[in-house]
């Protein structure tokens, strides 16, 4: 009987993580639920950079790329983890010998890019592409430079994702589920 209940909790958890812009990966060590409206947003020529956290231990957020546009070439001194949360993207990854590998990420796909590899993210789709990114290690200065040089987007002018309501519904469903066992 207990196994059936664990499976139900697992199913609820799986449903929640599929609907929220969540990055969960073996390499991530933790589960992060981050909403776009909770991030600082900065205008990029190709879209929007969302920074949720950046310090000497970890940096994470999202990049939103408009259709037909691509990011500038980027590189970080630490390994990067990426998860496609909306739309799709083409990642061009440059190795140290100059050869290029292209990876197409669709919603839910994950990618790890080793430290010191250049990469470009391109959106060939017809809708905006949103990619979660996370860097374990100290890339704080790089993101501080971006914060200082990019135009910040006022939170009131940004669209709301609607995920807070989904999360609230999940919390209520979970509470209701566990309340049955308290009796």
Protein backbone atom coordinates (compact mmCIF):
# COMPACT_ATOMS: atom_id res chain seq x y z
CA UNK A 1 0.00 0.00 0.00
CA UNK A 2 2.78 2.47 0.86
CA UNK A 3 4.44 1.87 -2.51
CA UNK A 4 1.24 2.88 -4.32
CA UNK A 5 1.14 6.14 -2.32
CA UNK A 6 4.79 6.85 -3.14
CA UNK A 7 4.05 6.33 -6.80
CA UNK A 8 1.15 8.79 -6.60
CA UNK A 9 3.38 11.39 -4.93
CA UNK A 10 5.98 10.74 -7.60
CA UNK A 11 3.34 11.25 -10.31
CA UNK A 12 2.23 14.55 -8.74
CA UNK A 13 5.86 15.67 -8.48
CA UNK A 14 6.51 14.68 -12.11
CA UNK A 15 3.45 16.60 -13.28
CA UNK A 16 4.57 19.67 -11.35
CA UNK A 17 8.11 19.60 -12.71
CA UNK A 18 6.87 19.17 -16.27
CA UNK A 19 4.70 22.28 -16.02
CA UNK A 20 7.11 24.59 -14.19
CA UNK A 21 10.24 26.06 -15.80
CA UNK A 22 12.37 23.80 -13.67
CA UNK A 23 15.88 22.57 -14.20
CA UNK A 24 16.50 19.16 -12.71
CA UNK A 25 19.45 17.09 -13.76
CA UNK A 26 21.93 14.61 -12.32
CA UNK A 27 24.60 17.25 -12.74
CA UNK A 28 22.51 19.91 -10.99
CA UNK A 29 22.64 18.27 -7.53
CA UNK A 30 19.50 20.20 -6.58
CA UNK A 31 16.04 21.02 -7.84
CA UNK A 32 15.44 24.64 -8.69
CA UNK A 33 12.09 26.18 -9.46
CA UNK A 34 12.59 29.64 -10.82
CA UNK A 35 10.02 31.85 -12.45
CA UNK A 36 10.91 34.46 -15.03
CA UNK A 37 9.13 37.22 -13.11
CA UNK A 38 11.31 36.51 -10.06
CA UNK A 39 14.51 37.18 -12.03
CA UNK A 40 16.19 40.46 -12.90
CA UNK A 41 15.65 40.96 -16.64
CA UNK A 42 18.02 42.70 -19.06
CA UNK A 43 17.49 43.57 -22.72
CA UNK A 44 19.74 41.80 -25.20
CA UNK A 45 19.86 42.39 -28.97
CA UNK A 46 18.54 38.84 -29.41
CA UNK A 47 15.98 38.89 -26.59
CA UNK A 48 16.12 38.95 -22.79
CA UNK A 49 18.64 37.75 -20.18
CA UNK A 50 17.05 36.72 -16.87
CA UNK A 51 19.38 36.46 -13.88
CA UNK A 52 17.97 34.65 -10.85
CA UNK A 53 21.17 34.30 -8.88
CA UNK A 54 24.83 35.07 -9.38
CA UNK A 55 27.54 34.75 -6.75
CA UNK A 56 30.95 33.15 -6.34
CA UNK A 57 29.41 29.68 -5.98
CA UNK A 58 26.71 29.53 -8.65
CA UNK A 59 24.93 31.58 -11.29
CA UNK A 60 21.59 30.70 -12.86
CA UNK A 61 18.76 32.15 -14.85
CA UNK A 62 17.25 32.06 -18.34
CA UNK A 63 17.94 33.44 -21.77
CA UNK A 64 15.00 34.18 -24.06
CA UNK A 65 15.84 34.40 -27.74
CA UNK A 66 13.46 35.81 -30.32
CA UNK A 67 12.72 33.89 -33.55
CA UNK A 68 15.45 34.18 -36.19
CA UNK A 69 18.05 35.57 -33.75
CA UNK A 70 21.12 34.18 -32.02
CA UNK A 71 23.25 35.02 -29.02
CA UNK A 72 26.72 36.40 -29.27
CA UNK A 73 29.52 33.86 -28.83
CA UNK A 74 29.85 33.06 -25.13
CA UNK A 75 32.31 31.16 -22.98
CA UNK A 76 32.52 30.53 -19.24
CA UNK A 77 35.39 29.34 -17.07
CA UNK A 78 33.13 26.72 -15.46
CA UNK A 79 30.89 23.98 -16.81
CA UNK A 80 27.44 25.12 -17.93
CA UNK A 81 24.17 23.21 -17.69
CA UNK A 82 21.26 24.12 -19.94
CA UNK A 83 17.64 23.03 -20.19
CA UNK A 84 15.22 24.08 -22.92
CA UNK A 85 12.04 25.26 -21.17
CA UNK A 86 10.11 26.78 -24.10
CA UNK A 87 10.43 26.50 -27.88
CA UNK A 88 13.64 25.05 -29.29
CA UNK A 89 17.23 26.16 -29.80
CA UNK A 90 20.28 25.24 -31.83
CA UNK A 91 23.48 25.27 -29.76
CA UNK A 92 26.71 25.66 -31.71
CA UNK A 93 29.59 24.49 -29.53
CA UNK A 94 33.18 25.25 -30.54
CA UNK A 95 35.93 22.97 -29.28
CA UNK A 96 39.53 24.01 -28.68
CA UNK A 97 40.54 22.83 -32.19
CA UNK A 98 37.99 25.12 -33.82
CA UNK A 99 35.55 22.44 -34.94
CA UNK A 100 31.84 23.09 -34.38
CA UNK A 101 29.21 20.71 -33.05
CA UNK A 102 25.54 21.66 -33.36
CA UNK A 103 22.92 20.35 -30.97
CA UNK A 104 19.18 20.97 -31.32
CA UNK A 105 17.34 21.24 -28.00
CA UNK A 106 13.57 20.86 -27.82
CA UNK A 107 11.44 21.56 -24.76
CA UNK A 108 12.75 19.45 -21.87
CA UNK A 109 16.11 18.61 -23.48
CA UNK A 110 19.27 19.17 -21.44
CA UNK A 111 22.83 19.97 -22.40
CA UNK A 112 26.14 20.20 -20.57
CA UNK A 113 28.90 22.41 -22.01
CA UNK A 114 32.36 21.96 -20.58
CA UNK A 115 34.30 24.93 -19.22
CA UNK A 116 36.14 27.19 -21.66
CA UNK A 117 34.16 26.09 -24.73
CA UNK A 118 32.65 28.85 -26.83
CA UNK A 119 29.01 28.48 -27.76
CA UNK A 120 26.20 30.29 -29.56
CA UNK A 121 22.49 29.76 -28.98
CA UNK A 122 20.27 30.28 -32.03
CA UNK A 123 16.50 30.28 -32.39
CA UNK A 124 15.42 29.02 -35.83
CA UNK A 125 11.85 28.49 -34.63
CA UNK A 126 8.74 30.61 -34.98
CA UNK A 127 8.24 31.27 -31.25
CA UNK A 128 10.50 32.61 -28.55
CA UNK A 129 13.04 30.15 -27.20
CA UNK A 130 13.63 30.07 -23.43
CA UNK A 131 16.66 28.23 -22.03
CA UNK A 132 17.45 27.74 -18.35
CA UNK A 133 21.18 28.04 -17.61
CA UNK A 134 23.26 27.24 -14.55
CA UNK A 135 26.98 27.57 -13.90
CA UNK A 136 28.50 25.97 -10.79
CA UNK A 137 31.50 28.03 -9.74
CA UNK A 138 32.62 31.61 -9.79
CA UNK A 139 31.43 33.51 -12.87
CA UNK A 140 30.04 36.32 -10.73
CA UNK A 141 32.17 39.05 -12.36
CA UNK A 142 30.91 38.16 -15.85
CA UNK A 143 27.29 38.54 -14.76
CA UNK A 144 28.03 41.69 -12.75
CA UNK A 145 29.51 43.22 -15.91
CA UNK A 146 26.33 42.30 -17.81
CA UNK A 147 24.16 43.81 -15.06
CA UNK A 148 26.10 47.08 -15.31
CA UNK A 149 26.15 47.31 -19.11
CA UNK A 150 22.72 46.00 -20.17
CA UNK A 151 19.45 47.89 -19.93
CA UNK A 152 17.30 46.54 -17.09
CA UNK A 153 13.68 45.80 -17.96
CA UNK A 154 11.11 47.06 -15.46
CA UNK A 155 9.33 44.13 -13.82
CA UNK A 156 5.92 45.78 -14.34
CA UNK A 157 6.48 45.89 -18.11
CA UNK A 158 7.23 42.16 -18.38
CA UNK A 159 4.59 39.50 -19.05
CA UNK A 160 3.71 37.14 -16.21
CA UNK A 161 4.37 33.45 -16.78
CA UNK A 162 1.36 32.14 -14.85
CA UNK A 163 3.46 29.48 -13.15
CA UNK A 164 2.79 30.82 -9.65
CA UNK A 165 -0.85 29.77 -9.98
CA UNK A 166 0.16 26.30 -11.23
CA UNK A 167 2.59 25.94 -8.33
CA UNK A 168 -0.07 27.08 -5.84
CA UNK A 169 -2.44 24.45 -7.25
CA UNK A 170 0.29 21.82 -6.91
CA UNK A 171 0.97 22.75 -3.28
CA UNK A 172 -2.74 22.54 -2.45
CA UNK A 173 -3.07 19.15 -4.19
CA UNK A 174 -0.02 17.84 -2.35
CA UNK A 175 -1.30 19.12 1.01
CA UNK A 176 -4.69 17.51 0.37
CA UNK A 177 -3.00 14.23 -0.57
CA UNK A 178 -0.91 14.09 2.61
CA UNK A 179 -3.76 15.30 4.83
CA UNK A 180 -5.55 12.01 4.08
CA UNK A 181 -2.85 10.12 5.99
CA UNK A 182 -3.09 12.27 9.11
CA UNK A 183 -6.54 10.89 9.98
